[in-house]
Amino acid sequence: MPCAPATGRRWPWLILIPGQPGLREIEDLSAADQARLMAEIVSCGPAIRAMGQRLGFPVDKLNVGALGNVTAQLHVHIVGRCAKDPAWPGPVWGVGVAEPLSADQIKKAMTAAAKALKL
């Protein structure tokens, strides 16, 4: 199955943002909240794979990153990757031009993610 063409359409992607203001680093979370964040990251794997399947993007590998260089608020990216994607094997940041999803593609991707997350 081919990868989707070169952001929204290039990689299935979710971002987790802890609901506590002013956090910058994972170390700013309590130990319990760090464990919760890790569990939430892991639970996003099936959602990313479901989004990818729905969008015609086979997810071979999950990338997880908490960069925060541009947006200081703690947030974690979970990105689905494929050996044939436009940035493989390097990081996705700074590669190409964003290609937004259509409203229909967004609905399909979010429906697949919600089902995988059992929301």
C-alpha atoms as a PDB file:
ATOM      1  CA  MET A   1       0.000   0.000   0.000  1.00  0.00           C
ATOM      2  CA  PRO A   2       1.520   3.377  -0.930  1.00  0.00           C
ATOM      3  CA  CYS A   3       2.050   6.173   1.564  1.00  0.00           C
ATOM      4  CA  ALA A   4      -0.085   9.271   1.375  1.00  0.00           C
ATOM      5  CA  PRO A   5       1.446  12.043  -0.716  1.00  0.00           C
ATOM      6  CA  ALA A   6       3.854  14.458   0.786  1.00  0.00           C
ATOM      7  CA  THR A   7       1.425  17.171   7.216  1.00  0.00           C
ATOM      8  CA  GLY A   8      -2.108  16.634   7.444  1.00  0.00           C
ATOM      9  CA  ARG A   9      -1.962  14.349   4.424  1.00  0.00           C
ATOM     10  CA  ARG A  10       1.638  13.341   4.825  1.00  0.00           C
ATOM     11  CA  TRP A  11       1.524  11.775   8.281  1.00  0.00           C
ATOM     12  CA  PRO A  12      -1.226  10.720  10.681  1.00  0.00           C
ATOM     13  CA  TRP A  13      -0.475  12.787  13.757  1.00  0.00           C
ATOM     14  CA  LEU A  14      -1.876  13.473  17.225  1.00  0.00           C
ATOM     15  CA  ILE A  15      -0.713  15.974  19.835  1.00  0.00           C
ATOM     16  CA  LEU A  16      -1.212  15.480  23.564  1.00  0.00           C
ATOM     17  CA  ILE A  17      -1.345  18.601  25.730  1.00  0.00           C
ATOM     18  CA  PRO A  18      -1.490  18.130  29.508  1.00  0.00           C
ATOM     19  CA  GLY A  19      -4.362  20.167  30.955  1.00  0.00           C
ATOM     20  CA  GLN A  20      -2.161  22.016  33.429  1.00  0.00           C
ATOM     21  CA  PRO A  21      -1.053  25.546  32.503  1.00  0.00           C
ATOM     22  CA  GLY A  22       2.564  26.639  32.597  1.00  0.00           C
ATOM     23  CA  LEU A  23       4.195  23.240  32.085  1.00  0.00           C
ATOM     24  CA  ARG A  24       7.270  23.226  29.851  1.00  0.00           C
ATOM     25  CA  GLU A  25       8.954  19.887  30.466  1.00  0.00           C
ATOM     26  CA  ILE A  26       7.873  16.330  31.255  1.00  0.00           C
ATOM     27  CA  GLU A  27       9.877  16.676  34.472  1.00  0.00           C
ATOM     28  CA  ASP A  28       7.427  19.431  35.527  1.00  0.00           C
ATOM     29  CA  LEU A  29       4.723  16.758  35.877  1.00  0.00           C
ATOM     30  CA  SER A  30       4.254  14.767  39.067  1.00  0.00           C
ATOM     31  CA  ALA A  31       5.344  11.132  38.918  1.00  0.00           C
ATOM     32  CA  ALA A  32       1.687  10.083  38.643  1.00  0.00           C
ATOM     33  CA  ASP A  33       1.093  12.525  35.775  1.00  0.00           C
ATOM     34  CA  GLN A  34       4.272  11.344  34.023  1.00  0.00           C
ATOM     35  CA  ALA A  35       2.949   7.777  34.179  1.00  0.00           C
ATOM     36  CA  ARG A  36      -0.441   8.950  32.903  1.00  0.00           C
ATOM     37  CA  LEU A  37       1.218  10.804  30.005  1.00  0.00           C
ATOM     38  CA  MET A  38       3.172   7.664  29.049  1.00  0.00           C
ATOM     39  CA  ALA A  39      -0.004   5.578  29.160  1.00  0.00           C
ATOM     40  CA  GLU A  40      -1.756   8.149  26.955  1.00  0.00           C
ATOM     41  CA  ILE A  41       1.141   8.138  24.478  1.00  0.00           C
ATOM     42  CA  VAL A  42       0.934   4.351  24.259  1.00  0.00           C
ATOM     43  CA  SER A  43      -2.853   4.470  23.823  1.00  0.00           C
ATOM     44  CA  CYS A  44      -2.398   6.816  20.854  1.00  0.00           C
ATOM     45  CA  GLY A  45      -0.562   4.110  18.875  1.00  0.00           C
ATOM     46  CA  PRO A  46      -3.699   2.253  17.790  1.00  0.00           C
ATOM     47  CA  ALA A  47      -5.410   5.581  17.054  1.00  0.00           C
ATOM     48  CA  ILE A  48      -2.563   6.713  14.800  1.00  0.00           C
ATOM     49  CA  ARG A  49      -2.586   3.356  13.016  1.00  0.00           C
ATOM     50  CA  ALA A  50      -6.388   3.559  12.569  1.00  0.00           C
ATOM     51  CA  MET A  51      -6.110   7.094  11.201  1.00  0.00           C
ATOM     52  CA  GLY A  52      -3.385   5.988   8.824  1.00  0.00           C
ATOM     53  CA  GLN A  53      -5.387   3.017   7.620  1.00  0.00           C
ATOM     54  CA  ARG A  54      -8.437   5.223   7.032  1.00  0.00           C
ATOM     55  CA  LEU A  55      -6.338   7.758   5.073  1.00  0.00           C
ATOM     56  CA  GLY A  56      -4.423   5.169   3.026  1.00  0.00           C
ATOM     57  CA  PHE A  57      -1.165   5.671   4.928  1.00  0.00           C
ATOM     58  CA  PRO A  58       0.285   2.434   6.320  1.00  0.00           C
ATOM     59  CA  VAL A  59       1.948   3.164   9.672  1.00  0.00           C
ATOM     60  CA  ASP A  60       5.120   1.123  10.052  1.00  0.00           C
ATOM     61  CA  LYS A  61       6.650   3.089  12.938  1.00  0.00           C
ATOM     62  CA  LEU A  62       5.520   5.559  15.584  1.00  0.00           C
ATOM     63  CA  ASN A  63       7.628   8.622  16.371  1.00  0.00           C
ATOM     64  CA  VAL A  64       7.120  10.445  19.671  1.00  0.00           C
ATOM     65  CA  GLY A  65       8.539  13.900  20.303  1.00  0.00           C
ATOM     66  CA  ALA A  66       8.247  16.631  22.917  1.00  0.00           C
ATOM     67  CA  LEU A  67      10.274  19.414  21.329  1.00  0.00           C
ATOM     68  CA  GLY A  68       8.710  22.639  22.556  1.00  0.00           C
ATOM     69  CA  ASN A  69      11.236  24.827  20.766  1.00  0.00           C
ATOM     70  CA  VAL A  70       8.553  26.975  19.113  1.00  0.00           C
ATOM     71  CA  THR A  71       5.636  26.468  21.510  1.00  0.00           C
ATOM     72  CA  ALA A  72       6.921  26.292  25.073  1.00  0.00           C
ATOM     73  CA  GLN A  73       3.748  24.723  26.578  1.00  0.00           C
ATOM     74  CA  LEU A  74       4.418  21.034  27.188  1.00  0.00           C
ATOM     75  CA  HIS A  75       2.966  18.986  24.361  1.00  0.00           C
ATOM     76  CA  VAL A  76       3.828  15.605  22.865  1.00  0.00           C
ATOM     77  CA  HIS A  77       3.592  14.710  19.183  1.00  0.00           C
ATOM     78  CA  ILE A  78       2.766  11.141  18.145  1.00  0.00           C
ATOM     79  CA  VAL A  79       3.422  10.702  14.430  1.00  0.00           C
ATOM     80  CA  GLY A  80       2.777   7.715  12.206  1.00  0.00           C
ATOM     81  CA  ARG A  81       5.628   6.942   9.849  1.00  0.00           C
ATOM     82  CA  CYS A  82       6.131   4.794   6.780  1.00  0.00           C
ATOM     83  CA  ALA A  83       9.407   3.775   5.148  1.00  0.00           C
ATOM     84  CA  LYS A  84       8.205   5.460   1.938  1.00  0.00           C
ATOM     85  CA  ASP A  85       7.108   8.757   3.500  1.00  0.00           C
ATOM     86  CA  PRO A  86       8.670  12.028   2.279  1.00  0.00           C
ATOM     87  CA  ALA A  87      10.942  12.465   5.310  1.00  0.00           C
ATOM     88  CA  TRP A  88      11.996   8.846   5.939  1.00  0.00           C
ATOM     89  CA  PRO A  89      14.219   8.012   7.747  1.00  0.00           C
ATOM     90  CA  GLY A  90      14.756  11.525   9.135  1.00  0.00           C
ATOM     91  CA  PRO A  91      12.467  13.592  11.346  1.00  0.00           C
ATOM     92  CA  VAL A  92       9.246  15.053   9.949  1.00  0.00           C
ATOM     93  CA  TRP A  93       9.843  18.590  11.197  1.00  0.00           C
ATOM     94  CA  GLY A  94      10.844  21.086   8.519  1.00  0.00           C
ATOM     95  CA  VAL A  95      10.196  18.741   5.582  1.00  0.00           C
ATOM     96  CA  GLY A  96       8.123  20.031   2.672  1.00  0.00           C
ATOM     97  CA  VAL A  97       5.023  22.174   2.718  1.00  0.00           C
ATOM     98  CA  ALA A  98       1.881  21.530   4.748  1.00  0.00           C
ATOM     99  CA  GLU A  99      -0.955  19.873   2.836  1.00  0.00           C
ATOM    100  CA  PRO A 100      -4.124  20.167   4.907  1.00  0.00           C
ATOM    101  CA  LEU A 101      -6.739  17.464   4.978  1.00  0.00           C
ATOM    102  CA  SER A 102     -10.177  18.103   3.524  1.00  0.00           C
ATOM    103  CA  ALA A 103     -13.105  18.354   5.955  1.00  0.00           C
ATOM    104  CA  ASP A 104     -14.153  14.835   4.915  1.00  0.00           C
ATOM    105  CA  GLN A 105     -10.655  13.430   5.508  1.00  0.00           C
ATOM    106  CA  ILE A 106     -10.528  15.092   8.945  1.00  0.00           C
ATOM    107  CA  LYS A 107     -13.891  13.566   9.857  1.00  0.00           C
ATOM    108  CA  LYS A 108     -12.793  10.109   8.707  1.00  0.00           C
ATOM    109  CA  ALA A 109      -9.462  10.340  10.546  1.00  0.00           C
ATOM    110  CA  MET A 110     -11.000  11.585  13.776  1.00  0.00           C
ATOM    111  CA  THR A 111     -13.774   8.977  13.653  1.00  0.00           C
ATOM    112  CA  ALA A 112     -11.146   6.249  13.259  1.00  0.00           C
ATOM    113  CA  ALA A 113      -9.049   7.697  16.088  1.00  0.00           C
ATOM    114  CA  ALA A 114     -12.044   8.039  18.424  1.00  0.00           C
ATOM    115  CA  LYS A 115     -13.073   4.437  17.758  1.00  0.00           C
ATOM    116  CA  ALA A 116      -9.520   3.193  18.451  1.00  0.00           C
ATOM    117  CA  LEU A 117      -9.387   5.276  21.645  1.00  0.00           C
ATOM    118  CA  LYS A 118     -12.848   3.986  22.606  1.00  0.00           C
ATOM    119  CA  LEU A 119     -14.205   7.526  23.032  1.00  0.00           C
END
